[in-house]
Amino acid sequence: MVNVKVLGPGCPNCQRLAQVVYDVLEELELEASIEKVTKYPEILKYNILATPGLVINGKVVSAGRIPSKAEVRTWLQAAAKA
């Protein structure tokens, strides 16, 4: 199972990123655990400079922007195969 974390305080961009992740997971029919990390001390553990951040299986794959569905699809497919 893929482990996904969306890092951010819950701002509109963070919510949009979470929706992109949900959409891609549904399209790919992948099972994943999704966690929204909203507390700054926890976010800082991932050493990102801007939110929203996206962590897949413990690896930061994006920070400070909303990646495209195609990018998220590629990352999730790779994580599912690992």
PDB file of N, CA and C in Angstrom:
ATOM      1  N   MET A   1       0.849  -1.184   0.000  1.00  0.00           N
ATOM      2  CA  MET A   1       0.000   0.000   0.000  1.00  0.00           C
ATOM      3  C   MET A   1       0.892   1.244   0.000  1.00  0.00           C
ATOM      4  N   VAL A   2       0.478   2.226  -0.758  1.00  0.00           N
ATOM      5  CA  VAL A   2       1.220   3.478  -0.874  1.00  0.00           C
ATOM      6  C   VAL A   2       0.841   4.390   0.290  1.00  0.00           C
ATOM      7  N   ASN A   3       1.840   5.060   0.862  1.00  0.00           N
ATOM      8  CA  ASN A   3       1.618   5.990   1.963  1.00  0.00           C
ATOM      9  C   ASN A   3       1.840   7.411   1.432  1.00  0.00           C
ATOM     10  N   VAL A   4       0.793   8.234   1.498  1.00  0.00           N
ATOM     11  CA  VAL A   4       0.851   9.595   0.970  1.00  0.00           C
ATOM     12  C   VAL A   4       0.601  10.583   2.098  1.00  0.00           C
ATOM     13  N   LYS A   5       1.425  11.647   2.124  1.00  0.00           N
ATOM     14  CA  LYS A   5       1.204  12.729   3.088  1.00  0.00           C
ATOM     15  C   LYS A   5       1.157  14.043   2.336  1.00  0.00           C
ATOM     16  N   VAL A   6       0.126  14.825   2.626  1.00  0.00           N
ATOM     17  CA  VAL A   6       0.007  16.174   2.085  1.00  0.00           C
ATOM     18  C   VAL A   6       0.396  17.123   3.213  1.00  0.00           C
ATOM     19  N   LEU A   7       1.449  17.897   2.976  1.00  0.00           N
ATOM     20  CA  LEU A   7       1.975  18.796   4.004  1.00  0.00           C
ATOM     21  C   LEU A   7       1.463  20.211   3.775  1.00  0.00           C
ATOM     22  N   GLY A   8       0.867  20.801   4.784  1.00  0.00           N
ATOM     23  CA  GLY A   8       0.401  22.174   4.681  1.00  0.00           C
ATOM     24  C   GLY A   8      -0.632  22.478   5.736  1.00  0.00           C
ATOM     25  N   PRO A   9      -0.854  23.769   5.991  1.00  0.00           N
ATOM     26  CA  PRO A   9      -1.757  24.179   7.067  1.00  0.00           C
ATOM     27  C   PRO A   9      -3.240  24.030   6.747  1.00  0.00           C
ATOM     28  N   GLY A  10      -3.575  23.596   5.549  1.00  0.00           N
ATOM     29  CA  GLY A  10      -4.983  23.463   5.183  1.00  0.00           C
ATOM     30  C   GLY A  10      -5.455  24.580   4.277  1.00  0.00           C
ATOM     31  N   CYS A  11      -4.525  25.307   3.688  1.00  0.00           N
ATOM     32  CA  CYS A  11      -4.838  26.421   2.785  1.00  0.00           C
ATOM     33  C   CYS A  11      -5.494  25.892   1.504  1.00  0.00           C
ATOM     34  N   PRO A  12      -6.068  26.769   0.686  1.00  0.00           N
ATOM     35  CA  PRO A  12      -6.697  26.323  -0.563  1.00  0.00           C
ATOM     36  C   PRO A  12      -5.756  25.511  -1.465  1.00  0.00           C
ATOM     37  N   ASN A  13      -4.479  25.902  -1.559  1.00  0.00           N
ATOM     38  CA  ASN A  13      -3.546  25.142  -2.392  1.00  0.00           C
ATOM     39  C   ASN A  13      -3.312  23.740  -1.828  1.00  0.00           C
ATOM     40  N   CYS A  14      -3.266  23.627  -0.526  1.00  0.00           N
ATOM     41  CA  CYS A  14      -3.098  22.321   0.107  1.00  0.00           C
ATOM     42  C   CYS A  14      -4.319  21.442  -0.180  1.00  0.00           C
ATOM     43  N   GLN A  15      -5.484  22.033  -0.130  1.00  0.00           N
ATOM     44  CA  GLN A  15      -6.711  21.296  -0.410  1.00  0.00           C
ATOM     45  C   GLN A  15      -6.764  20.862  -1.871  1.00  0.00           C
ATOM     46  N   ARG A  16      -6.302  21.737  -2.784  1.00  0.00           N
ATOM     47  CA  ARG A  16      -6.272  21.380  -4.206  1.00  0.00           C
ATOM     48  C   ARG A  16      -5.303  20.234  -4.458  1.00  0.00           C
ATOM     49  N   LEU A  17      -4.146  20.267  -3.804  1.00  0.00           N
ATOM     50  CA  LEU A  17      -3.180  19.174  -3.951  1.00  0.00           C
ATOM     51  C   LEU A  17      -3.780  17.861  -3.458  1.00  0.00           C
ATOM     52  N   ALA A  18      -4.431  17.895  -2.316  1.00  0.00           N
ATOM     53  CA  ALA A  18      -5.059  16.684  -1.774  1.00  0.00           C
ATOM     54  C   ALA A  18      -6.095  16.155  -2.758  1.00  0.00           C
ATOM     55  N   GLN A  19      -6.865  17.043  -3.385  1.00  0.00           N
ATOM     56  CA  GLN A  19      -7.881  16.606  -4.346  1.00  0.00           C
ATOM     57  C   GLN A  19      -7.244  15.970  -5.575  1.00  0.00           C
ATOM     58  N   VAL A  20      -6.134  16.526  -6.041  1.00  0.00           N
ATOM     59  CA  VAL A  20      -5.413  15.927  -7.172  1.00  0.00           C
ATOM     60  C   VAL A  20      -4.984  14.508  -6.817  1.00  0.00           C
ATOM     61  N   VAL A  21      -4.454  14.335  -5.613  1.00  0.00           N
ATOM     62  CA  VAL A  21      -4.015  13.009  -5.175  1.00  0.00           C
ATOM     63  C   VAL A  21      -5.201  12.047  -5.130  1.00  0.00           C
ATOM     64  N   TYR A  22      -6.324  12.476  -4.537  1.00  0.00           N
ATOM     65  CA  TYR A  22      -7.514  11.625  -4.472  1.00  0.00           C
ATOM     66  C   TYR A  22      -7.982  11.245  -5.879  1.00  0.00           C
ATOM     67  N   ASP A  23      -8.003  12.219  -6.790  1.00  0.00           N
ATOM     68  CA  ASP A  23      -8.458  11.967  -8.165  1.00  0.00           C
ATOM     69  C   ASP A  23      -7.578  10.929  -8.862  1.00  0.00           C
ATOM     70  N   VAL A  24      -6.266  11.096  -8.741  1.00  0.00           N
ATOM     71  CA  VAL A  24      -5.344  10.170  -9.408  1.00  0.00           C
ATOM     72  C   VAL A  24      -5.436   8.775  -8.803  1.00  0.00           C
ATOM     73  N   LEU A  25      -5.535   8.695  -7.490  1.00  0.00           N
ATOM     74  CA  LEU A  25      -5.679   7.382  -6.850  1.00  0.00           C
ATOM     75  C   LEU A  25      -6.937   6.677  -7.341  1.00  0.00           C
ATOM     76  N   GLU A  26      -8.008   7.434  -7.496  1.00  0.00           N
ATOM     77  CA  GLU A  26      -9.261   6.849  -7.978  1.00  0.00           C
ATOM     78  C   GLU A  26      -9.105   6.376  -9.428  1.00  0.00           C
ATOM     79  N   GLU A  27      -8.472   7.201 -10.267  1.00  0.00           N
ATOM     80  CA  GLU A  27      -8.260   6.837 -11.668  1.00  0.00           C
ATOM     81  C   GLU A  27      -7.417   5.573 -11.789  1.00  0.00           C
ATOM     82  N   LEU A  28      -6.386   5.467 -10.959  1.00  0.00           N
ATOM     83  CA  LEU A  28      -5.478   4.320 -11.010  1.00  0.00           C
ATOM     84  C   LEU A  28      -5.999   3.113 -10.235  1.00  0.00           C
ATOM     85  N   GLU A  29      -7.053   3.321  -9.462  1.00  0.00           N
ATOM     86  CA  GLU A  29      -7.624   2.290  -8.603  1.00  0.00           C
ATOM     87  C   GLU A  29      -6.566   1.721  -7.653  1.00  0.00           C
ATOM     88  N   LEU A  30      -5.790   2.638  -7.070  1.00  0.00           N
ATOM     89  CA  LEU A  30      -4.745   2.272  -6.114  1.00  0.00           C
ATOM     90  C   LEU A  30      -5.245   2.453  -4.691  1.00  0.00           C
ATOM     91  N   GLU A  31      -4.808   1.558  -3.824  1.00  0.00           N
ATOM     92  CA  GLU A  31      -5.082   1.727  -2.403  1.00  0.00           C
ATOM     93  C   GLU A  31      -3.941   2.524  -1.786  1.00  0.00           C
ATOM     94  N   ALA A  32      -4.284   3.481  -0.971  1.00  0.00           N
ATOM     95  CA  ALA A  32      -3.263   4.294  -0.324  1.00  0.00           C
ATOM     96  C   ALA A  32      -3.786   4.817   0.998  1.00  0.00           C
ATOM     97  N   SER A  33      -2.861   5.034   1.913  1.00  0.00           N
ATOM     98  CA  SER A  33      -3.223   5.736   3.135  1.00  0.00           C
ATOM     99  C   SER A  33      -2.824   7.194   2.896  1.00  0.00           C
ATOM    100  N   ILE A  34      -3.754   8.095   3.153  1.00  0.00           N
ATOM    101  CA  ILE A  34      -3.503   9.516   2.934  1.00  0.00           C
ATOM    102  C   ILE A  34      -3.607  10.232   4.268  1.00  0.00           C
ATOM    103  N   GLU A  35      -2.564  10.991   4.564  1.00  0.00           N
ATOM    104  CA  GLU A  35      -2.523  11.744   5.815  1.00  0.00           C
ATOM    105  C   GLU A  35      -2.287  13.214   5.489  1.00  0.00           C
ATOM    106  N   LYS A  36      -3.056  14.072   6.112  1.00  0.00           N
ATOM    107  CA  LYS A  36      -2.836  15.509   5.971  1.00  0.00           C
ATOM    108  C   LYS A  36      -2.056  15.978   7.196  1.00  0.00           C
ATOM    109  N   VAL A  37      -0.843  16.457   6.951  1.00  0.00           N
ATOM    110  CA  VAL A  37       0.024  16.929   8.029  1.00  0.00           C
ATOM    111  C   VAL A  37      -0.120  18.449   8.080  1.00  0.00           C
ATOM    112  N   THR A  38      -0.742  18.958   9.156  1.00  0.00           N
ATOM    113  CA  THR A  38      -1.058  20.385   9.229  1.00  0.00           C
ATOM    114  C   THR A  38      -0.276  21.139  10.299  1.00  0.00           C
ATOM    115  N   LYS A  39       0.360  20.430  11.197  1.00  0.00           N
ATOM    116  CA  LYS A  39       1.099  21.100  12.277  1.00  0.00           C
ATOM    117  C   LYS A  39       2.517  21.417  11.815  1.00  0.00           C
ATOM    118  N   TYR A  40       2.917  22.683  12.006  1.00  0.00           N
ATOM    119  CA  TYR A  40       4.218  23.127  11.506  1.00  0.00           C
ATOM    120  C   TYR A  40       5.408  22.328  12.023  1.00  0.00           C
ATOM    121  N   PRO A  41       5.458  21.940  13.301  1.00  0.00           N
ATOM    122  CA  PRO A  41       6.611  21.134  13.742  1.00  0.00           C
ATOM    123  C   PRO A  41       6.756  19.835  12.939  1.00  0.00           C
ATOM    124  N   GLU A  42       5.617  19.226  12.578  1.00  0.00           N
ATOM    125  CA  GLU A  42       5.648  17.998  11.774  1.00  0.00           C
ATOM    126  C   GLU A  42       6.068  18.297  10.338  1.00  0.00           C
ATOM    127  N   ILE A  43       5.557  19.391   9.765  1.00  0.00           N
ATOM    128  CA  ILE A  43       5.904  19.774   8.394  1.00  0.00           C
ATOM    129  C   ILE A  43       7.407  20.042   8.291  1.00  0.00           C
ATOM    130  N   LEU A  44       7.957  20.714   9.288  1.00  0.00           N
ATOM    131  CA  LEU A  44       9.383  21.073   9.271  1.00  0.00           C
ATOM    132  C   LEU A  44      10.291  19.850   9.279  1.00  0.00           C
ATOM    133  N   LYS A  45       9.812  18.732   9.761  1.00  0.00           N
ATOM    134  CA  LYS A  45      10.617  17.502   9.771  1.00  0.00           C
ATOM    135  C   LYS A  45      10.968  17.057   8.351  1.00  0.00           C
ATOM    136  N   TYR A  46      10.187  17.494   7.371  1.00  0.00           N
ATOM    137  CA  TYR A  46      10.424  17.100   5.980  1.00  0.00           C
ATOM    138  C   TYR A  46      11.337  18.080   5.240  1.00  0.00           C
ATOM    139  N   ASN A  47      11.787  19.113   5.938  1.00  0.00           N
ATOM    140  CA  ASN A  47      12.777  20.049   5.395  1.00  0.00           C
ATOM    141  C   ASN A  47      12.334  20.696   4.076  1.00  0.00           C
ATOM    142  N   ILE A  48      11.072  21.117   4.027  1.00  0.00           N
ATOM    143  CA  ILE A  48      10.601  21.840   2.845  1.00  0.00           C
ATOM    144  C   ILE A  48      10.507  23.323   3.195  1.00  0.00           C
ATOM    145  N   LEU A  49      10.686  24.161   2.192  1.00  0.00           N
ATOM    146  CA  LEU A  49      10.686  25.606   2.427  1.00  0.00           C
ATOM    147  C   LEU A  49       9.329  26.242   2.178  1.00  0.00           C
ATOM    148  N   ALA A  50       8.469  25.570   1.425  1.00  0.00           N
ATOM    149  CA  ALA A  50       7.149  26.131   1.126  1.00  0.00           C
ATOM    150  C   ALA A  50       6.131  25.006   1.028  1.00  0.00           C
ATOM    151  N   THR A  51       4.896  25.323   1.366  1.00  0.00           N
ATOM    152  CA  THR A  51       3.796  24.366   1.230  1.00  0.00           C
ATOM    153  C   THR A  51       2.975  24.762   0.009  1.00  0.00           C
ATOM    154  N   PRO A  52       2.208  23.867  -0.546  1.00  0.00           N
ATOM    155  CA  PRO A  52       1.971  22.506  -0.089  1.00  0.00           C
ATOM    156  C   PRO A  52       3.137  21.585  -0.445  1.00  0.00           C
ATOM    157  N   GLY A  53       3.258  20.540   0.339  1.00  0.00           N
ATOM    158  CA  GLY A  53       4.263  19.523   0.077  1.00  0.00           C
ATOM    159  C   GLY A  53       3.599  18.180  -0.105  1.00  0.00           C
ATOM    160  N   LEU A  54       4.255  17.330  -0.872  1.00  0.00           N
ATOM    161  CA  LEU A  54       3.717  15.993  -1.107  1.00  0.00           C
ATOM    162  C   LEU A  54       4.810  14.969  -0.817  1.00  0.00           C
ATOM    163  N   VAL A  55       4.488  14.028   0.053  1.00  0.00           N
ATOM    164  CA  VAL A  55       5.419  12.972   0.442  1.00  0.00           C
ATOM    165  C   VAL A  55       4.779  11.642   0.077  1.00  0.00           C
ATOM    166  N   ILE A  56       5.522  10.832  -0.678  1.00  0.00           N
ATOM    167  CA  ILE A  56       5.026   9.504  -1.061  1.00  0.00           C
ATOM    168  C   ILE A  56       6.024   8.470  -0.562  1.00  0.00           C
ATOM    169  N   ASN A  57       5.527   7.560   0.266  1.00  0.00           N
ATOM    170  CA  ASN A  57       6.363   6.510   0.870  1.00  0.00           C
ATOM    171  C   ASN A  57       7.609   7.091   1.531  1.00  0.00           C
ATOM    172  N   GLY A  58       7.442   8.206   2.239  1.00  0.00           N
ATOM    173  CA  GLY A  58       8.524   8.801   3.014  1.00  0.00           C
ATOM    174  C   GLY A  58       9.454   9.716   2.241  1.00  0.00           C
ATOM    175  N   LYS A  59       9.236   9.874   0.942  1.00  0.00           N
ATOM    176  CA  LYS A  59      10.112  10.699   0.107  1.00  0.00           C
ATOM    177  C   LYS A  59       9.358  11.951  -0.347  1.00  0.00           C
ATOM    178  N   VAL A  60       9.967  13.126  -0.115  1.00  0.00           N
ATOM    179  CA  VAL A  60       9.365  14.375  -0.570  1.00  0.00           C
ATOM    180  C   VAL A  60       9.492  14.427  -2.095  1.00  0.00           C
ATOM    181  N   VAL A  61       8.359  14.500  -2.793  1.00  0.00           N
ATOM    182  CA  VAL A  61       8.381  14.536  -4.256  1.00  0.00           C
ATOM    183  C   VAL A  61       8.023  15.917  -4.800  1.00  0.00           C
ATOM    184  N   SER A  62       7.419  16.761  -3.962  1.00  0.00           N
ATOM    185  CA  SER A  62       7.029  18.092  -4.423  1.00  0.00           C
ATOM    186  C   SER A  62       6.871  19.016  -3.228  1.00  0.00           C
ATOM    187  N   ALA A  63       7.243  20.296  -3.429  1.00  0.00           N
ATOM    188  CA  ALA A  63       7.057  21.290  -2.373  1.00  0.00           C
ATOM    189  C   ALA A  63       6.894  22.662  -3.004  1.00  0.00           C
ATOM    190  N   GLY A  64       5.990  23.448  -2.445  1.00  0.00           N
ATOM    191  CA  GLY A  64       5.822  24.822  -2.875  1.00  0.00           C
ATOM    192  C   GLY A  64       5.015  25.022  -4.134  1.00  0.00           C
ATOM    193  N   ARG A  65       4.379  23.964  -4.628  1.00  0.00           N
ATOM    194  CA  ARG A  65       3.576  24.083  -5.840  1.00  0.00           C
ATOM    195  C   ARG A  65       2.558  22.955  -5.887  1.00  0.00           C
ATOM    196  N   ILE A  66       1.636  23.069  -6.836  1.00  0.00           N
ATOM    197  CA  ILE A  66       0.667  22.004  -7.055  1.00  0.00           C
ATOM    198  C   ILE A  66       1.093  21.268  -8.318  1.00  0.00           C
ATOM    199  N   PRO A  67       1.592  20.047  -8.184  1.00  0.00           N
ATOM    200  CA  PRO A  67       2.020  19.304  -9.368  1.00  0.00           C
ATOM    201  C   PRO A  67       0.824  18.908 -10.231  1.00  0.00           C
ATOM    202  N   SER A  68       1.092  18.655 -11.494  1.00  0.00           N
ATOM    203  CA  SER A  68       0.033  18.245 -12.411  1.00  0.00           C
ATOM    204  C   SER A  68      -0.428  16.825 -12.080  1.00  0.00           C
ATOM    205  N   LYS A  69      -1.607  16.477 -12.595  1.00  0.00           N
ATOM    206  CA  LYS A  69      -2.107  15.114 -12.397  1.00  0.00           C
ATOM    207  C   LYS A  69      -1.145  14.104 -13.007  1.00  0.00           C
ATOM    208  N   ALA A  70      -0.546  14.460 -14.141  1.00  0.00           N
ATOM    209  CA  ALA A  70       0.392  13.544 -14.808  1.00  0.00           C
ATOM    210  C   ALA A  70       1.603  13.273 -13.921  1.00  0.00           C
ATOM    211  N   GLU A  71       2.114  14.317 -13.270  1.00  0.00           N
ATOM    212  CA  GLU A  71       3.256  14.131 -12.375  1.00  0.00           C
ATOM    213  C   GLU A  71       2.881  13.231 -11.202  1.00  0.00           C
ATOM    214  N   VAL A  72       1.747  13.525 -10.591  1.00  0.00           N
ATOM    215  CA  VAL A  72       1.296  12.742  -9.439  1.00  0.00           C
ATOM    216  C   VAL A  72       1.058  11.293  -9.857  1.00  0.00           C
ATOM    217  N   ARG A  73       0.476  11.088 -11.039  1.00  0.00           N
ATOM    218  CA  ARG A  73       0.231   9.733 -11.547  1.00  0.00           C
ATOM    219  C   ARG A  73       1.558   8.968 -11.666  1.00  0.00           C
ATOM    220  N   THR A  74       2.577   9.614 -12.234  1.00  0.00           N
ATOM    221  CA  THR A  74       3.892   8.981 -12.398  1.00  0.00           C
ATOM    222  C   THR A  74       4.477   8.587 -11.052  1.00  0.00           C
ATOM    223  N   TRP A  75       4.431   9.497 -10.084  1.00  0.00           N
ATOM    224  CA  TRP A  75       4.979   9.221  -8.759  1.00  0.00           C
ATOM    225  C   TRP A  75       4.247   8.089  -8.065  1.00  0.00           C
ATOM    226  N   LEU A  76       2.917   8.096  -8.155  1.00  0.00           N
ATOM    227  CA  LEU A  76       2.140   7.071  -7.474  1.00  0.00           C
ATOM    228  C   LEU A  76       2.326   5.695  -8.128  1.00  0.00           C
ATOM    229  N   GLN A  77       2.404   5.670  -9.446  1.00  0.00           N
ATOM    230  CA  GLN A  77       2.635   4.398 -10.129  1.00  0.00           C
ATOM    231  C   GLN A  77       3.995   3.815  -9.755  1.00  0.00           C
ATOM    232  N   ALA A  78       5.012   4.672  -9.700  1.00  0.00           N
ATOM    233  CA  ALA A  78       6.350   4.214  -9.320  1.00  0.00           C
ATOM    234  C   ALA A  78       6.351   3.702  -7.876  1.00  0.00           C
ATOM    235  N   ALA A  79       5.652   4.392  -6.996  1.00  0.00           N
ATOM    236  CA  ALA A  79       5.597   3.985  -5.589  1.00  0.00           C
ATOM    237  C   ALA A  79       4.851   2.664  -5.427  1.00  0.00           C
ATOM    238  N   ALA A  80       3.835   2.456  -6.236  1.00  0.00           N
ATOM    239  CA  ALA A  80       3.058   1.220  -6.135  1.00  0.00           C
ATOM    240  C   ALA A  80       3.873  -0.001  -6.597  1.00  0.00           C
ATOM    241  N   LYS A  81       4.804   0.238  -7.526  1.00  0.00           N
ATOM    242  CA  LYS A  81       5.641  -0.857  -8.036  1.00  0.00           C
ATOM    243  C   LYS A  81       6.812  -1.171  -7.111  1.00  0.00           C
ATOM    244  N   ALA A  82       7.180  -0.206  -6.290  1.00  0.00           N
ATOM    245  CA  ALA A  82       8.366  -0.374  -5.424  1.00  0.00           C
ATOM    246  C   ALA A  82       8.096  -1.359  -4.296  1.00  0.00           C
TER     247      ALA A  82
END
